[in-house]
Amino acid sequence: MYKCDDCDRVFDEPRRVVDGFEGHLYTTEVCPRCGGDSYRYAELCDRCGDPELASKMQYGFCHKCATETWKTYNAFLDALPEVQKDFLKGVLQDER
């Protein structure tokens, strides 16, 4: 799956265009929607299912879902009493 840098369309395969110059033929792969030749590999987010550039994925999550997950995690930790935070720190350090 790919995402076009020009129009943001997500597509499975680029469209092949055959063109020529002074008797020489060449093939270019372009976005099926806008014809742009700037596109990158994309993946689906494991949480929301939206496409995201593969280079921006974090352990299978898009940027938006990763940020929301960290906010939820930090809110959970902030709500714990210090004794429970200390317990979790100890357990997590032992697992390293």
C-alpha atoms as a PDB file:
ATOM      1  CA  MET A   1       0.000   0.000   0.000  1.00  0.00           C
ATOM      2  CA  TYR A   2       1.222   3.492  -0.817  1.00  0.00           C
ATOM      3  CA  LYS A   3       0.320   7.062   0.096  1.00  0.00           C
ATOM      4  CA  CYS A   4       0.756   9.909  -2.372  1.00  0.00           C
ATOM      5  CA  ASP A   5       2.752  12.903  -1.118  1.00  0.00           C
ATOM      6  CA  ASP A   6       0.865  15.240  -3.460  1.00  0.00           C
ATOM      7  CA  CYS A   7      -2.822  14.360  -2.910  1.00  0.00           C
ATOM      8  CA  ASP A   8      -2.662  12.046   0.184  1.00  0.00           C
ATOM      9  CA  ARG A   9      -4.541   9.280  -1.619  1.00  0.00           C
ATOM     10  CA  VAL A  10      -3.863   5.738  -0.430  1.00  0.00           C
ATOM     11  CA  PHE A  11      -3.589   3.100  -3.149  1.00  0.00           C
ATOM     12  CA  ASP A  12      -2.491  -0.508  -3.548  1.00  0.00           C
ATOM     13  CA  GLU A  13      -0.313  -0.166  -6.635  1.00  0.00           C
ATOM     14  CA  PRO A  14       0.950   2.795  -8.643  1.00  0.00           C
ATOM     15  CA  ARG A  15      -0.269   3.256 -12.207  1.00  0.00           C
ATOM     16  CA  ARG A  16       2.309   2.627 -14.936  1.00  0.00           C
ATOM     17  CA  VAL A  17       2.614   5.272 -17.608  1.00  0.00           C
ATOM     18  CA  VAL A  18       4.584   4.678 -20.803  1.00  0.00           C
ATOM     19  CA  ASP A  19       6.111   7.790 -22.299  1.00  0.00           C
ATOM     20  CA  GLY A  20       8.693   8.535 -24.924  1.00  0.00           C
ATOM     21  CA  PHE A  21      11.342  11.038 -25.823  1.00  0.00           C
ATOM     22  CA  GLU A  22      13.248  11.121 -29.108  1.00  0.00           C
ATOM     23  CA  GLY A  23      12.279   7.550 -29.952  1.00  0.00           C
ATOM     24  CA  HIS A  24      13.067   6.088 -26.528  1.00  0.00           C
ATOM     25  CA  LEU A  25      10.240   4.630 -24.457  1.00  0.00           C
ATOM     26  CA  TYR A  26      10.286   4.542 -20.684  1.00  0.00           C
ATOM     27  CA  THR A  27       7.860   3.563 -17.947  1.00  0.00           C
ATOM     28  CA  THR A  28       7.039   5.726 -14.943  1.00  0.00           C
ATOM     29  CA  GLU A  29       4.941   4.703 -11.946  1.00  0.00           C
ATOM     30  CA  VAL A  30       2.572   7.383 -10.656  1.00  0.00           C
ATOM     31  CA  CYS A  31      -0.340   7.935  -8.284  1.00  0.00           C
ATOM     32  CA  PRO A  32      -3.553   6.655  -9.904  1.00  0.00           C
ATOM     33  CA  ARG A  33      -5.448   9.769  -8.778  1.00  0.00           C
ATOM     34  CA  CYS A  34      -3.244  12.796  -9.457  1.00  0.00           C
ATOM     35  CA  GLY A  35      -0.424  11.354 -11.568  1.00  0.00           C
ATOM     36  CA  GLY A  36       2.225  12.501  -9.092  1.00  0.00           C
ATOM     37  CA  ASP A  37       5.402  10.466  -8.888  1.00  0.00           C
ATOM     38  CA  SER A  38       6.109  11.131  -5.211  1.00  0.00           C
ATOM     39  CA  TYR A  39       4.589   8.428  -2.995  1.00  0.00           C
ATOM     40  CA  ARG A  40       5.749   6.293  -0.084  1.00  0.00           C
ATOM     41  CA  TYR A  41       4.978   2.925   1.480  1.00  0.00           C
ATOM     42  CA  ALA A  42       2.109   2.999   3.990  1.00  0.00           C
ATOM     43  CA  GLU A  43       0.700   0.573   6.562  1.00  0.00           C
ATOM     44  CA  LEU A  44      -2.602   0.294   8.439  1.00  0.00           C
ATOM     45  CA  CYS A  45      -2.660   1.214  12.127  1.00  0.00           C
ATOM     46  CA  ASP A  46      -3.289  -1.788  14.382  1.00  0.00           C
ATOM     47  CA  ARG A  47      -5.613   0.285  16.596  1.00  0.00           C
ATOM     48  CA  CYS A  48      -7.721   2.494  14.304  1.00  0.00           C
ATOM     49  CA  GLY A  49      -7.091   0.940  10.897  1.00  0.00           C
ATOM     50  CA  ASP A  50      -6.167   4.241   9.239  1.00  0.00           C
ATOM     51  CA  PRO A  51      -3.277   4.299   6.763  1.00  0.00           C
ATOM     52  CA  GLU A  52      -0.048   5.949   7.899  1.00  0.00           C
ATOM     53  CA  LEU A  53       3.340   6.299   6.275  1.00  0.00           C
ATOM     54  CA  ALA A  54       5.405   3.301   7.342  1.00  0.00           C
ATOM     55  CA  SER A  55       8.216   5.608   8.467  1.00  0.00           C
ATOM     56  CA  LYS A  56       5.851   7.267  10.974  1.00  0.00           C
ATOM     57  CA  MET A  57       4.448   4.062  12.499  1.00  0.00           C
ATOM     58  CA  GLN A  58       5.368   3.223  16.099  1.00  0.00           C
ATOM     59  CA  TYR A  59       5.077  -0.476  16.925  1.00  0.00           C
ATOM     60  CA  GLY A  60       2.075  -0.811  14.612  1.00  0.00           C
ATOM     61  CA  PHE A  61       0.337   2.387  15.795  1.00  0.00           C
ATOM     62  CA  CYS A  62      -0.126   5.605  13.829  1.00  0.00           C
ATOM     63  CA  HIS A  63       1.084   8.836  15.435  1.00  0.00           C
ATOM     64  CA  LYS A  64      -2.404   9.781  16.652  1.00  0.00           C
ATOM     65  CA  CYS A  65      -3.064   6.412  18.342  1.00  0.00           C
ATOM     66  CA  ALA A  66       0.425   6.245  19.851  1.00  0.00           C
ATOM     67  CA  THR A  67      -0.044   9.723  21.358  1.00  0.00           C
ATOM     68  CA  GLU A  68      -3.487   8.819  22.745  1.00  0.00           C
ATOM     69  CA  THR A  69      -2.089   5.594  24.224  1.00  0.00           C
ATOM     70  CA  TRP A  70       0.761   7.428  25.975  1.00  0.00           C
ATOM     71  CA  LYS A  71      -1.689  10.018  27.355  1.00  0.00           C
ATOM     72  CA  THR A  72      -3.907   7.233  28.746  1.00  0.00           C
ATOM     73  CA  TYR A  73      -0.887   5.445  30.234  1.00  0.00           C
ATOM     74  CA  ASN A  74       0.422   8.628  31.867  1.00  0.00           C
ATOM     75  CA  ALA A  75      -3.033   9.486  33.265  1.00  0.00           C
ATOM     76  CA  PHE A  76      -3.207   5.985  34.763  1.00  0.00           C
ATOM     77  CA  LEU A  77       0.214   6.385  36.381  1.00  0.00           C
ATOM     78  CA  ASP A  78      -0.610   9.862  37.686  1.00  0.00           C
ATOM     79  CA  ALA A  79      -3.713   8.465  39.443  1.00  0.00           C
ATOM     80  CA  LEU A  80      -1.760   5.797  41.355  1.00  0.00           C
ATOM     81  CA  PRO A  81      -0.597   6.316  44.928  1.00  0.00           C
ATOM     82  CA  GLU A  82       3.200   6.545  45.326  1.00  0.00           C
ATOM     83  CA  VAL A  83       3.394   3.081  46.915  1.00  0.00           C
ATOM     84  CA  GLN A  84       1.878   1.504  43.794  1.00  0.00           C
ATOM     85  CA  LYS A  85       4.171   3.539  41.520  1.00  0.00           C
ATOM     86  CA  ASP A  86       7.173   2.281  43.494  1.00  0.00           C
ATOM     87  CA  PHE A  87       5.912  -1.296  43.152  1.00  0.00           C
ATOM     88  CA  LEU A  88       5.570  -0.963  39.363  1.00  0.00           C
ATOM     89  CA  LYS A  89       9.016   0.636  39.053  1.00  0.00           C
ATOM     90  CA  GLY A  90      10.527  -2.299  40.909  1.00  0.00           C
ATOM     91  CA  VAL A  91       8.725  -4.896  38.805  1.00  0.00           C
ATOM     92  CA  LEU A  92       9.614  -3.195  35.520  1.00  0.00           C
ATOM     93  CA  GLN A  93      13.294  -2.846  36.524  1.00  0.00           C
ATOM     94  CA  ASP A  94      13.464  -6.549  37.429  1.00  0.00           C
ATOM     95  CA  GLU A  95      12.187  -7.508  33.956  1.00  0.00           C
ATOM     96  CA  ARG A  96      15.091  -5.751  32.210  1.00  0.00           C
END
